[in-house]
Amino acid sequence: MRQSVEQFAAELDELLPQLQCQRCGYPTCADFAEAIVRGRCRPNRCDPGGSRVLDDLNRLTGGTEACLDPAYDTPSLPEAVIIEESECIGCTLCIKACPVDAIIGAAKLMHTVLSGDCTGCELCLPACPVDCIHPIKINKKESVLFQESLLARASFHRAHFRRRQARLGGSQKPRKTDNRLTREKTIADSVARIRGKREKMRGSPVSDEKDTTL
């Protein structure tokens, strides 16, 4: 029996890292998966997943994409972020931006990141008005260790994201109210700002975990 769009999209979603980072131009991994199934975009946009996820998506969709779209390809990515707590003003904007409830705190009080829950999506960076949030554990995206970490934590991150969505009643999903092109431009602008900030921080060495690929 032929699969429905929803069933096929769910299969593709299972292959994605579940960082909910929006680097693909869609608000969630599930939205990206559905867009692929409906032919709205090609499967070569999952920046964190890199060639590993692209190969998996090609296999399931019959695609032939050889590499990521350069506009969605970042050589190094963080595994998490930290808040410079002495600089935090307690605005709660980063808490609202986090898709997996990995930041705790209250209005006008210091916030902190639960490092074990953080996906490294960096969505909190452009939300912070005082730039007191910084990426950490920056690794080469295609390294075996980084990709193994994504695989090991995907289900954990998915569960946290779904729990947050249930708590908010789905109110964080903008697809019904926002113009898609406007949303994608906003996301692209945020990602560009984040990349710019990371370029300025190049004084911090990339983690020297060795890539064991041959």
N, C-alpha and C. Protein backbone atom coordinates (compact mmCIF):
# COMPACT_ATOMS: atom_id res chain seq x y z
N MET A 1 0.85 -1.20 0.00
CA MET A 1 0.00 0.00 0.00
C MET A 1 0.89 1.25 0.00
N ARG A 2 0.51 2.21 -0.81
CA ARG A 2 1.31 3.43 -0.95
C ARG A 2 1.31 4.23 0.35
N GLN A 3 2.49 4.74 0.70
CA GLN A 3 2.60 5.55 1.91
C GLN A 3 1.95 6.92 1.72
N SER A 4 1.41 7.43 2.80
CA SER A 4 0.91 8.80 2.76
C SER A 4 2.08 9.76 2.89
N VAL A 5 1.82 11.02 2.56
CA VAL A 5 2.85 12.05 2.72
C VAL A 5 3.33 12.10 4.16
N GLU A 6 2.38 12.02 5.10
CA GLU A 6 2.71 12.10 6.52
C GLU A 6 3.60 10.93 6.95
N GLN A 7 3.30 9.73 6.46
CA GLN A 7 4.09 8.55 6.83
C GLN A 7 5.51 8.64 6.28
N PHE A 8 5.62 9.06 5.02
CA PHE A 8 6.94 9.17 4.40
C PHE A 8 7.76 10.28 5.07
N ALA A 9 7.10 11.39 5.37
CA ALA A 9 7.78 12.50 6.05
C ALA A 9 8.28 12.05 7.42
N ALA A 10 7.48 11.24 8.11
CA ALA A 10 7.90 10.74 9.43
C ALA A 10 9.13 9.86 9.32
N GLU A 11 9.23 9.07 8.24
CA GLU A 11 10.41 8.23 8.02
C GLU A 11 11.65 9.09 7.81
N LEU A 12 11.50 10.15 7.00
CA LEU A 12 12.63 11.05 6.77
C LEU A 12 13.02 11.77 8.06
N ASP A 13 12.02 12.17 8.82
CA ASP A 13 12.29 12.87 10.07
C ASP A 13 13.12 12.02 11.02
N GLU A 14 12.92 10.72 10.99
CA GLU A 14 13.68 9.81 11.85
C GLU A 14 15.17 9.83 11.51
N LEU A 15 15.51 10.23 10.29
CA LEU A 15 16.91 10.25 9.87
C LEU A 15 17.62 11.54 10.27
N LEU A 16 16.87 12.56 10.66
CA LEU A 16 17.44 13.87 10.94
C LEU A 16 17.96 13.97 12.37
N PRO A 17 18.91 14.87 12.62
CA PRO A 17 19.56 14.94 13.95
C PRO A 17 18.68 15.46 15.07
N GLN A 18 17.54 16.09 14.74
CA GLN A 18 16.60 16.59 15.75
C GLN A 18 17.17 17.73 16.59
N LEU A 19 18.06 18.52 16.00
CA LEU A 19 18.56 19.70 16.71
C LEU A 19 17.56 20.85 16.65
N GLN A 20 16.60 20.78 15.72
CA GLN A 20 15.60 21.84 15.53
C GLN A 20 16.30 23.19 15.35
N CYS A 21 17.42 23.17 14.62
CA CYS A 21 18.28 24.35 14.52
C CYS A 21 17.83 25.35 13.47
N GLN A 22 16.92 24.96 12.58
CA GLN A 22 16.38 25.84 11.55
C GLN A 22 17.40 26.23 10.49
N ARG A 23 18.58 25.62 10.51
CA ARG A 23 19.58 25.97 9.50
C ARG A 23 19.14 25.58 8.09
N CYS A 24 18.21 24.65 7.98
CA CYS A 24 17.71 24.22 6.67
C CYS A 24 16.72 25.21 6.08
N GLY A 25 16.28 26.20 6.90
CA GLY A 25 15.29 27.17 6.43
C GLY A 25 13.88 26.83 6.84
N TYR A 26 13.71 25.75 7.61
CA TYR A 26 12.39 25.35 8.10
C TYR A 26 12.39 25.34 9.62
N PRO A 27 11.24 25.59 10.24
CA PRO A 27 11.21 25.76 11.70
C PRO A 27 11.49 24.50 12.50
N THR A 28 11.27 23.34 11.94
CA THR A 28 11.55 22.09 12.67
C THR A 28 12.08 21.05 11.69
N CYS A 29 12.69 20.01 12.25
CA CYS A 29 13.14 18.89 11.42
C CYS A 29 11.96 18.25 10.69
N ALA A 30 10.84 18.13 11.37
CA ALA A 30 9.65 17.53 10.75
C ALA A 30 9.15 18.35 9.57
N ASP A 31 9.21 19.68 9.69
CA ASP A 31 8.79 20.54 8.57
C ASP A 31 9.73 20.38 7.38
N PHE A 32 11.02 20.25 7.66
CA PHE A 32 11.98 20.02 6.57
C PHE A 32 11.70 18.69 5.88
N ALA A 33 11.44 17.66 6.66
CA ALA A 33 11.14 16.35 6.09
C ALA A 33 9.89 16.41 5.21
N GLU A 34 8.87 17.09 5.68
CA GLU A 34 7.64 17.20 4.89
C GLU A 34 7.88 17.99 3.61
N ALA A 35 8.71 19.04 3.69
CA ALA A 35 9.01 19.84 2.50
C ALA A 35 9.71 19.00 1.44
N ILE A 36 10.59 18.10 1.87
CA ILE A 36 11.26 17.20 0.91
C ILE A 36 10.24 16.32 0.22
N VAL A 37 9.36 15.71 1.01
CA VAL A 37 8.36 14.80 0.45
C VAL A 37 7.44 15.51 -0.53
N ARG A 38 7.08 16.74 -0.22
CA ARG A 38 6.16 17.50 -1.07
C ARG A 38 6.88 18.20 -2.24
N GLY A 39 8.20 18.01 -2.33
CA GLY A 39 8.94 18.57 -3.44
C GLY A 39 9.20 20.06 -3.32
N ARG A 40 9.11 20.58 -2.12
CA ARG A 40 9.32 22.03 -1.92
C ARG A 40 10.79 22.38 -1.80
N CYS A 41 11.62 21.41 -1.46
CA CYS A 41 13.06 21.66 -1.39
C CYS A 41 13.80 20.35 -1.61
N ARG A 42 15.08 20.48 -1.87
CA ARG A 42 15.91 19.30 -2.07
C ARG A 42 16.43 18.83 -0.71
N PRO A 43 16.87 17.58 -0.64
CA PRO A 43 17.29 17.03 0.67
C PRO A 43 18.71 17.38 1.08
N ASN A 44 19.31 18.38 0.43
CA ASN A 44 20.72 18.68 0.70
C ASN A 44 20.89 19.93 1.56
N ARG A 45 20.02 20.06 2.60
CA ARG A 45 20.06 21.26 3.43
C ARG A 45 20.34 20.97 4.91
N CYS A 46 20.52 19.72 5.30
CA CYS A 46 20.73 19.44 6.72
C CYS A 46 22.19 19.68 7.08
N ASP A 47 22.47 20.89 7.54
CA ASP A 47 23.84 21.29 7.84
C ASP A 47 24.49 20.38 8.89
N PRO A 48 23.88 20.19 10.08
CA PRO A 48 24.54 19.34 11.09
C PRO A 48 24.76 17.91 10.62
N GLY A 49 23.79 17.36 9.92
CA GLY A 49 23.90 15.97 9.49
C GLY A 49 24.93 15.72 8.42
N GLY A 50 25.25 16.77 7.66
CA GLY A 50 26.29 16.67 6.64
C GLY A 50 26.07 15.55 5.64
N SER A 51 27.16 14.96 5.19
CA SER A 51 27.08 13.93 4.15
C SER A 51 26.40 12.66 4.66
N ARG A 52 26.51 12.39 5.97
CA ARG A 52 25.89 11.18 6.51
C ARG A 52 24.38 11.23 6.33
N VAL A 53 23.76 12.32 6.76
CA VAL A 53 22.31 12.43 6.64
C VAL A 53 21.90 12.58 5.18
N LEU A 54 22.69 13.31 4.39
CA LEU A 54 22.36 13.44 2.97
C LEU A 54 22.32 12.08 2.29
N ASP A 55 23.28 11.23 2.59
CA ASP A 55 23.29 9.88 2.00
C ASP A 55 22.04 9.10 2.42
N ASP A 56 21.66 9.23 3.69
CA ASP A 56 20.46 8.53 4.18
C ASP A 56 19.20 9.04 3.48
N LEU A 57 19.11 10.37 3.32
CA LEU A 57 17.94 10.94 2.66
C LEU A 57 17.91 10.55 1.18
N ASN A 58 19.06 10.55 0.53
CA ASN A 58 19.13 10.11 -0.87
C ASN A 58 18.65 8.67 -1.01
N ARG A 59 19.09 7.84 -0.08
CA ARG A 59 18.72 6.42 -0.14
C ARG A 59 17.21 6.24 -0.04
N LEU A 60 16.59 6.99 0.85
CA LEU A 60 15.16 6.79 1.07
C LEU A 60 14.30 7.48 0.00
N THR A 61 14.80 8.58 -0.54
CA THR A 61 14.00 9.33 -1.52
C THR A 61 14.38 9.02 -2.96
N GLY A 62 15.47 8.28 -3.15
CA GLY A 62 15.94 8.03 -4.50
C GLY A 62 16.67 9.22 -5.08
N GLY A 63 17.10 10.13 -4.22
CA GLY A 63 17.80 11.33 -4.67
C GLY A 63 19.22 11.04 -5.09
N THR A 64 19.82 12.01 -5.77
CA THR A 64 21.19 11.83 -6.28
C THR A 64 22.08 13.01 -5.90
N GLU A 65 21.71 13.74 -4.87
CA GLU A 65 22.51 14.91 -4.47
C GLU A 65 23.89 14.44 -3.99
N ALA A 66 24.94 15.02 -4.58
CA ALA A 66 26.30 14.59 -4.25
C ALA A 66 26.85 15.28 -3.01
N CYS A 67 26.35 16.46 -2.71
CA CYS A 67 26.88 17.21 -1.57
C CYS A 67 25.84 18.21 -1.09
N LEU A 68 26.08 18.78 0.07
CA LEU A 68 25.17 19.79 0.60
C LEU A 68 25.20 21.04 -0.26
N ASP A 69 24.08 21.73 -0.30
CA ASP A 69 24.02 23.06 -0.90
C ASP A 69 25.00 23.94 -0.11
N PRO A 70 25.93 24.63 -0.79
CA PRO A 70 26.91 25.46 -0.08
C PRO A 70 26.28 26.49 0.87
N ALA A 71 25.07 26.93 0.58
CA ALA A 71 24.40 27.90 1.45
C ALA A 71 23.98 27.29 2.78
N TYR A 72 24.01 25.94 2.86
CA TYR A 72 23.59 25.24 4.08
C TYR A 72 24.70 24.32 4.59
N ASP A 73 25.94 24.71 4.35
CA ASP A 73 27.07 23.85 4.70
C ASP A 73 28.08 24.62 5.54
N THR A 74 28.21 24.25 6.81
CA THR A 74 29.16 24.89 7.72
C THR A 74 30.19 23.84 8.16
N PRO A 75 31.49 24.09 7.94
CA PRO A 75 32.50 23.06 8.24
C PRO A 75 32.54 22.64 9.71
N SER A 76 32.38 23.61 10.63
CA SER A 76 32.47 23.30 12.06
C SER A 76 31.23 23.80 12.78
N LEU A 77 30.76 23.02 13.75
CA LEU A 77 29.56 23.37 14.49
C LEU A 77 29.77 23.09 15.98
N PRO A 78 29.07 23.82 16.84
CA PRO A 78 29.19 23.57 18.28
C PRO A 78 28.28 22.44 18.73
N GLU A 79 28.64 21.81 19.83
CA GLU A 79 27.77 20.80 20.43
C GLU A 79 26.84 21.43 21.46
N ALA A 80 27.19 22.62 21.93
CA ALA A 80 26.37 23.26 22.96
C ALA A 80 26.73 24.75 23.03
N VAL A 81 26.06 25.47 23.92
CA VAL A 81 26.38 26.87 24.18
C VAL A 81 26.47 27.07 25.69
N ILE A 82 27.08 28.18 26.08
CA ILE A 82 27.10 28.56 27.49
C ILE A 82 26.67 30.02 27.62
N ILE A 83 26.19 30.38 28.79
CA ILE A 83 25.82 31.76 29.09
C ILE A 83 26.86 32.34 30.04
N GLU A 84 27.41 33.49 29.68
CA GLU A 84 28.28 34.22 30.61
C GLU A 84 27.36 34.81 31.69
N GLU A 85 27.22 34.07 32.77
CA GLU A 85 26.18 34.39 33.75
C GLU A 85 26.36 35.77 34.38
N SER A 86 27.59 36.25 34.48
CA SER A 86 27.82 37.57 35.07
C SER A 86 27.30 38.70 34.18
N GLU A 87 27.12 38.38 32.88
CA GLU A 87 26.64 39.39 31.93
C GLU A 87 25.15 39.26 31.66
N CYS A 88 24.54 38.19 32.10
CA CYS A 88 23.13 37.92 31.82
C CYS A 88 22.24 38.95 32.53
N ILE A 89 21.25 39.50 31.80
CA ILE A 89 20.34 40.49 32.39
C ILE A 89 18.98 39.89 32.75
N GLY A 90 18.83 38.58 32.53
CA GLY A 90 17.59 37.92 32.92
C GLY A 90 16.39 38.29 32.07
N CYS A 91 16.60 38.50 30.78
CA CYS A 91 15.50 38.96 29.91
C CYS A 91 14.56 37.83 29.50
N THR A 92 14.97 36.58 29.63
CA THR A 92 14.23 35.35 29.29
C THR A 92 14.08 35.12 27.79
N LEU A 93 14.65 35.96 26.94
CA LEU A 93 14.49 35.78 25.49
C LEU A 93 15.15 34.49 25.00
N CYS A 94 16.27 34.12 25.60
CA CYS A 94 16.93 32.88 25.20
C CYS A 94 16.10 31.66 25.61
N ILE A 95 15.43 31.76 26.75
CA ILE A 95 14.57 30.66 27.21
C ILE A 95 13.45 30.42 26.21
N LYS A 96 12.87 31.51 25.72
CA LYS A 96 11.78 31.40 24.75
C LYS A 96 12.28 30.86 23.42
N ALA A 97 13.54 31.15 23.08
CA ALA A 97 14.08 30.73 21.79
C ALA A 97 14.51 29.27 21.77
N CYS A 98 14.83 28.71 22.94
CA CYS A 98 15.36 27.35 22.99
C CYS A 98 14.28 26.32 22.65
N PRO A 99 14.51 25.48 21.64
CA PRO A 99 13.47 24.53 21.23
C PRO A 99 13.36 23.29 22.11
N VAL A 100 14.30 23.13 23.05
CA VAL A 100 14.28 21.90 23.86
C VAL A 100 14.33 22.18 25.36
N ASP A 101 14.00 23.40 25.76
CA ASP A 101 13.97 23.77 27.18
C ASP A 101 15.30 23.48 27.87
N ALA A 102 16.42 23.79 27.20
CA ALA A 102 17.74 23.53 27.78
C ALA A 102 18.28 24.72 28.57
N ILE A 103 17.50 25.82 28.63
CA ILE A 103 17.93 26.99 29.38
C ILE A 103 16.95 27.22 30.53
N ILE A 104 17.47 27.43 31.71
CA ILE A 104 16.62 27.66 32.86
C ILE A 104 16.94 29.03 33.48
N GLY A 105 15.95 29.59 34.16
CA GLY A 105 16.11 30.90 34.78
C GLY A 105 14.76 31.57 34.88
N ALA A 106 14.74 32.77 35.37
CA ALA A 106 13.50 33.53 35.52
C ALA A 106 13.77 34.99 35.19
N ALA A 107 12.71 35.75 34.99
CA ALA A 107 12.85 37.15 34.63
C ALA A 107 13.68 37.91 35.66
N LYS A 108 14.66 38.65 35.15
CA LYS A 108 15.55 39.50 35.96
C LYS A 108 16.48 38.68 36.87
N LEU A 109 16.55 37.38 36.60
CA LEU A 109 17.47 36.52 37.33
C LEU A 109 18.41 35.84 36.34
N MET A 110 19.56 35.43 36.81
CA MET A 110 20.56 34.79 35.97
C MET A 110 20.01 33.52 35.31
N HIS A 111 20.34 33.33 34.03
CA HIS A 111 19.98 32.11 33.32
C HIS A 111 21.22 31.21 33.20
N THR A 112 20.95 29.93 32.98
CA THR A 112 22.05 29.00 32.75
C THR A 112 21.61 27.92 31.77
N VAL A 113 22.57 27.32 31.08
CA VAL A 113 22.29 26.29 30.09
C VAL A 113 22.53 24.91 30.69
N LEU A 114 21.56 24.02 30.51
CA LEU A 114 21.74 22.62 30.90
C LEU A 114 22.52 21.95 29.77
N SER A 115 23.82 21.83 29.96
CA SER A 115 24.69 21.40 28.87
C SER A 115 24.32 20.03 28.32
N GLY A 116 23.81 19.16 29.19
CA GLY A 116 23.42 17.83 28.73
C GLY A 116 22.20 17.82 27.83
N ASP A 117 21.38 18.88 27.92
CA ASP A 117 20.17 18.96 27.11
C ASP A 117 20.33 19.82 25.87
N CYS A 118 21.35 20.68 25.86
CA CYS A 118 21.54 21.63 24.77
C CYS A 118 21.87 20.91 23.46
N THR A 119 21.23 21.34 22.37
CA THR A 119 21.48 20.74 21.06
C THR A 119 22.55 21.48 20.27
N GLY A 120 22.96 22.67 20.75
CA GLY A 120 23.91 23.46 19.99
C GLY A 120 23.28 24.13 18.79
N CYS A 121 21.95 24.28 18.80
CA CYS A 121 21.26 24.86 17.64
C CYS A 121 21.61 26.34 17.44
N GLU A 122 22.01 27.03 18.50
CA GLU A 122 22.42 28.43 18.47
C GLU A 122 21.27 29.42 18.26
N LEU A 123 20.04 28.97 18.34
CA LEU A 123 18.91 29.88 18.15
C LEU A 123 18.82 30.93 19.25
N CYS A 124 19.44 30.64 20.38
CA CYS A 124 19.43 31.61 21.48
C CYS A 124 20.41 32.76 21.25
N LEU A 125 21.41 32.56 20.39
CA LEU A 125 22.43 33.60 20.20
C LEU A 125 21.85 34.90 19.64
N PRO A 126 21.12 34.86 18.53
CA PRO A 126 20.56 36.12 18.02
C PRO A 126 19.47 36.69 18.92
N ALA A 127 18.89 35.87 19.78
CA ALA A 127 17.84 36.36 20.68
C ALA A 127 18.41 37.17 21.83
N CYS A 128 19.68 36.93 22.18
CA CYS A 128 20.29 37.58 23.36
C CYS A 128 20.66 39.03 23.04
N PRO A 129 20.09 40.00 23.75
CA PRO A 129 20.36 41.41 23.45
C PRO A 129 21.72 41.89 23.93
N VAL A 130 22.38 41.12 24.79
CA VAL A 130 23.68 41.55 25.30
C VAL A 130 24.82 40.63 24.87
N ASP A 131 24.54 39.72 23.96
CA ASP A 131 25.55 38.82 23.40
C ASP A 131 26.37 38.12 24.48
N CYS A 132 25.67 37.57 25.48
CA CYS A 132 26.40 36.87 26.55
C CYS A 132 26.33 35.36 26.40
N ILE A 133 25.88 34.87 25.25
CA ILE A 133 25.81 33.43 25.00
C ILE A 133 26.84 33.08 23.94
N HIS A 134 27.60 32.00 24.18
CA HIS A 134 28.68 31.65 23.27
C HIS A 134 28.68 30.15 22.98
N PRO A 135 28.98 29.77 21.73
CA PRO A 135 29.07 28.35 21.40
C PRO A 135 30.32 27.72 22.00
N ILE A 136 30.23 26.45 22.36
CA ILE A 136 31.36 25.72 22.91
C ILE A 136 31.46 24.34 22.25
N LYS A 137 32.56 23.66 22.49
CA LYS A 137 32.80 22.33 21.93
C LYS A 137 32.61 22.33 20.42
N ILE A 138 33.26 23.28 19.76
CA ILE A 138 33.14 23.38 18.31
C ILE A 138 33.97 22.28 17.66
N ASN A 139 33.31 21.51 16.80
CA ASN A 139 33.97 20.36 16.18
C ASN A 139 33.77 20.37 14.67
N LYS A 140 34.63 19.66 13.98
CA LYS A 140 34.45 19.48 12.54
C LYS A 140 33.18 18.67 12.32
N LYS A 141 32.29 19.21 11.52
CA LYS A 141 30.98 18.60 11.34
C LYS A 141 31.05 17.17 10.79
N GLU A 142 31.96 16.93 9.87
CA GLU A 142 32.02 15.62 9.23
C GLU A 142 32.83 14.60 10.05
N SER A 143 33.34 15.01 11.21
CA SER A 143 34.13 14.06 12.00
C SER A 143 33.25 12.92 12.51
N VAL A 144 33.87 11.78 12.68
CA VAL A 144 33.14 10.60 13.15
C VAL A 144 32.55 10.87 14.54
N LEU A 145 33.34 11.49 15.42
CA LEU A 145 32.87 11.73 16.78
C LEU A 145 31.66 12.65 16.82
N PHE A 146 31.67 13.69 16.01
CA PHE A 146 30.54 14.62 15.99
C PHE A 146 29.28 13.93 15.48
N GLN A 147 29.41 13.17 14.40
CA GLN A 147 28.25 12.49 13.83
C GLN A 147 27.75 11.38 14.75
N GLU A 148 28.65 10.69 15.42
CA GLU A 148 28.22 9.67 16.37
C GLU A 148 27.45 10.31 17.53
N SER A 149 27.89 11.49 17.94
CA SER A 149 27.18 12.22 19.00
C SER A 149 25.77 12.58 18.57
N LEU A 150 25.61 13.03 17.32
CA LEU A 150 24.28 13.36 16.81
C LEU A 150 23.38 12.12 16.80
N LEU A 151 23.93 11.02 16.34
CA LEU A 151 23.15 9.78 16.29
C LEU A 151 22.72 9.33 17.68
N ALA A 152 23.63 9.41 18.63
CA ALA A 152 23.36 8.92 19.98
C ALA A 152 22.30 9.76 20.69
N ARG A 153 22.20 11.05 20.35
CA ARG A 153 21.33 11.95 21.11
C ARG A 153 20.08 12.37 20.36
N ALA A 154 19.89 11.90 19.15
CA ALA A 154 18.74 12.34 18.35
C ALA A 154 17.41 12.05 19.02
N SER A 155 17.23 10.84 19.52
CA SER A 155 15.95 10.49 20.14
C SER A 155 15.72 11.28 21.42
N PHE A 156 16.80 11.55 22.15
CA PHE A 156 16.74 12.34 23.37
C PHE A 156 16.28 13.76 23.06
N HIS A 157 16.88 14.37 22.05
CA HIS A 157 16.50 15.73 21.66
C HIS A 157 15.07 15.78 21.12
N ARG A 158 14.70 14.74 20.36
CA ARG A 158 13.33 14.71 19.83
C ARG A 158 12.31 14.67 20.97
N ALA A 159 12.59 13.87 21.98
CA ALA A 159 11.66 13.76 23.11
C ALA A 159 11.53 15.09 23.84
N HIS A 160 12.64 15.79 24.03
CA HIS A 160 12.60 17.10 24.70
C HIS A 160 11.81 18.11 23.87
N PHE A 161 12.03 18.09 22.56
CA PHE A 161 11.33 19.02 21.69
C PHE A 161 9.82 18.76 21.71
N ARG A 162 9.45 17.48 21.62
CA ARG A 162 8.01 17.16 21.63
C ARG A 162 7.36 17.49 22.96
N ARG A 163 8.10 17.31 24.04
CA ARG A 163 7.57 17.66 25.34
C ARG A 163 7.33 19.18 25.44
N ARG A 164 8.25 19.95 24.90
CA ARG A 164 8.09 21.40 24.90
C ARG A 164 6.89 21.80 24.04
N GLN A 165 6.77 21.18 22.86
CA GLN A 165 5.65 21.49 21.98
C GLN A 165 4.31 21.17 22.65
N ALA A 166 4.26 20.05 23.37
CA ALA A 166 3.03 19.68 24.07
C ALA A 166 2.72 20.69 25.17
N ARG A 167 3.76 21.12 25.86
CA ARG A 167 3.55 22.10 26.94
C ARG A 167 3.03 23.43 26.40
N LEU A 168 3.54 23.82 25.23
CA LEU A 168 3.14 25.09 24.65
C LEU A 168 1.90 24.97 23.77
N GLY A 169 1.40 23.77 23.61
CA GLY A 169 0.24 23.58 22.76
C GLY A 169 0.51 23.82 21.30
N GLY A 170 1.79 23.63 20.90
CA GLY A 170 2.14 23.84 19.49
C GLY A 170 2.24 25.30 19.10
N SER A 171 2.18 26.20 20.08
CA SER A 171 2.15 27.62 19.76
C SER A 171 3.46 28.14 19.18
N GLN A 172 4.53 27.34 19.30
CA GLN A 172 5.82 27.78 18.78
C GLN A 172 5.95 27.54 17.28
N LYS A 173 5.04 26.79 16.69
CA LYS A 173 5.16 26.50 15.27
C LYS A 173 4.52 27.61 14.46
N PRO A 174 5.33 28.37 13.68
CA PRO A 174 4.81 29.54 13.01
C PRO A 174 4.22 29.30 11.63
N ARG A 175 4.16 28.06 11.19
CA ARG A 175 3.84 27.80 9.79
C ARG A 175 2.45 28.28 9.40
N LYS A 176 1.49 28.35 10.34
CA LYS A 176 0.13 28.74 9.97
C LYS A 176 -0.04 30.26 9.91
N THR A 177 0.82 30.99 10.56
CA THR A 177 0.63 32.43 10.65
C THR A 177 1.70 33.22 9.91
N ASP A 178 2.90 32.68 9.76
CA ASP A 178 3.98 33.42 9.13
C ASP A 178 4.07 33.09 7.65
N ASN A 179 4.40 34.09 6.87
CA ASN A 179 4.71 33.86 5.47
C ASN A 179 5.98 33.05 5.38
N ARG A 180 5.98 31.98 4.58
CA ARG A 180 7.13 31.07 4.56
C ARG A 180 8.40 31.79 4.11
N LEU A 181 8.30 32.62 3.06
CA LEU A 181 9.49 33.31 2.57
C LEU A 181 10.04 34.28 3.61
N THR A 182 9.14 34.96 4.31
CA THR A 182 9.57 35.88 5.36
C THR A 182 10.27 35.12 6.47
N ARG A 183 9.69 33.96 6.85
CA ARG A 183 10.28 33.16 7.91
C ARG A 183 11.66 32.66 7.51
N GLU A 184 11.80 32.20 6.26
CA GLU A 184 13.09 31.69 5.81
C GLU A 184 14.14 32.80 5.78
N LYS A 185 13.72 34.01 5.39
CA LYS A 185 14.67 35.13 5.38
C LYS A 185 15.11 35.46 6.81
N THR A 186 14.16 35.44 7.74
CA THR A 186 14.50 35.71 9.14
C THR A 186 15.48 34.69 9.66
N ILE A 187 15.23 33.42 9.36
CA ILE A 187 16.12 32.35 9.80
C ILE A 187 17.50 32.52 9.16
N ALA A 188 17.52 32.82 7.85
CA ALA A 188 18.79 32.99 7.16
C ALA A 188 19.59 34.14 7.75
N ASP A 189 18.92 35.24 8.06
CA ASP A 189 19.59 36.39 8.67
C ASP A 189 20.18 36.01 10.03
N SER A 190 19.42 35.24 10.81
CA SER A 190 19.90 34.83 12.13
C SER A 190 21.12 33.93 12.00
N VAL A 191 21.06 32.97 11.06
CA VAL A 191 22.18 32.06 10.86
C VAL A 191 23.42 32.83 10.40
N ALA A 192 23.22 33.82 9.51
CA ALA A 192 24.35 34.62 9.03
C ALA A 192 24.99 35.38 10.18
N ARG A 193 24.17 35.90 11.08
CA ARG A 193 24.71 36.63 12.23
C ARG A 193 25.50 35.69 13.14
N ILE A 194 24.96 34.51 13.34
CA ILE A 194 25.64 33.52 14.19
C ILE A 194 26.99 33.13 13.58
N ARG A 195 26.98 32.89 12.26
CA ARG A 195 28.23 32.52 11.60
C ARG A 195 29.26 33.64 11.71
N GLY A 196 28.78 34.88 11.57
CA GLY A 196 29.68 36.02 11.70
C GLY A 196 30.31 36.10 13.07
N LYS A 197 29.50 35.84 14.11
CA LYS A 197 30.01 35.86 15.47
C LYS A 197 31.04 34.76 15.66
N ARG A 198 30.78 33.59 15.06
CA ARG A 198 31.71 32.48 15.25
C ARG A 198 33.03 32.76 14.54
N GLU A 199 32.97 33.46 13.38
CA GLU A 199 34.19 33.80 12.68
C GLU A 199 35.06 34.72 13.53
N LYS A 200 34.43 35.61 14.28
CA LYS A 200 35.18 36.53 15.13
C LYS A 200 35.81 35.81 16.32
N MET A 201 35.29 34.63 16.61
CA MET A 201 35.79 33.87 17.76
C MET A 201 36.81 32.80 17.34
N ARG A 202 37.31 32.91 16.12
CA ARG A 202 38.21 31.87 15.62
C ARG A 202 39.48 31.73 16.45
N GLY A 203 39.70 32.65 17.36
CA GLY A 203 40.84 32.52 18.26
C GLY A 203 40.70 31.30 19.15
N SER A 204 39.43 30.85 19.35
CA SER A 204 39.19 29.63 20.13
C SER A 204 39.42 28.44 19.23
N PRO A 205 40.37 27.56 19.56
CA PRO A 205 40.70 26.44 18.67
C PRO A 205 39.56 25.45 18.57
N VAL A 206 39.41 24.90 17.37
CA VAL A 206 38.46 23.81 17.16
C VAL A 206 38.91 22.61 17.97
N SER A 207 37.96 21.91 18.56
CA SER A 207 38.29 20.73 19.38
C SER A 207 39.23 19.81 18.61
N ASP A 208 40.33 19.36 19.25
CA ASP A 208 41.30 18.54 18.56
C ASP A 208 40.98 17.08 18.63
N GLU A 209 39.69 16.74 18.76
CA GLU A 209 39.33 15.33 18.65
C GLU A 209 39.65 14.87 17.24
N LYS A 210 40.31 13.77 17.12
CA LYS A 210 40.76 13.34 15.80
C LYS A 210 39.65 12.66 15.04
N ASP A 211 39.59 13.00 13.74
CA ASP A 211 38.64 12.33 12.85
C ASP A 211 39.26 10.99 12.47
N THR A 212 38.52 9.94 12.72
CA THR A 212 39.08 8.60 12.46
C THR A 212 38.72 8.07 11.08
N THR A 213 38.08 8.92 10.25
CA THR A 213 37.76 8.46 8.90
C THR A 213 39.04 8.33 8.10
N LEU A 214 39.04 7.42 7.16
CA LEU A 214 40.23 7.19 6.32
C LEU A 214 40.07 7.89 5.01
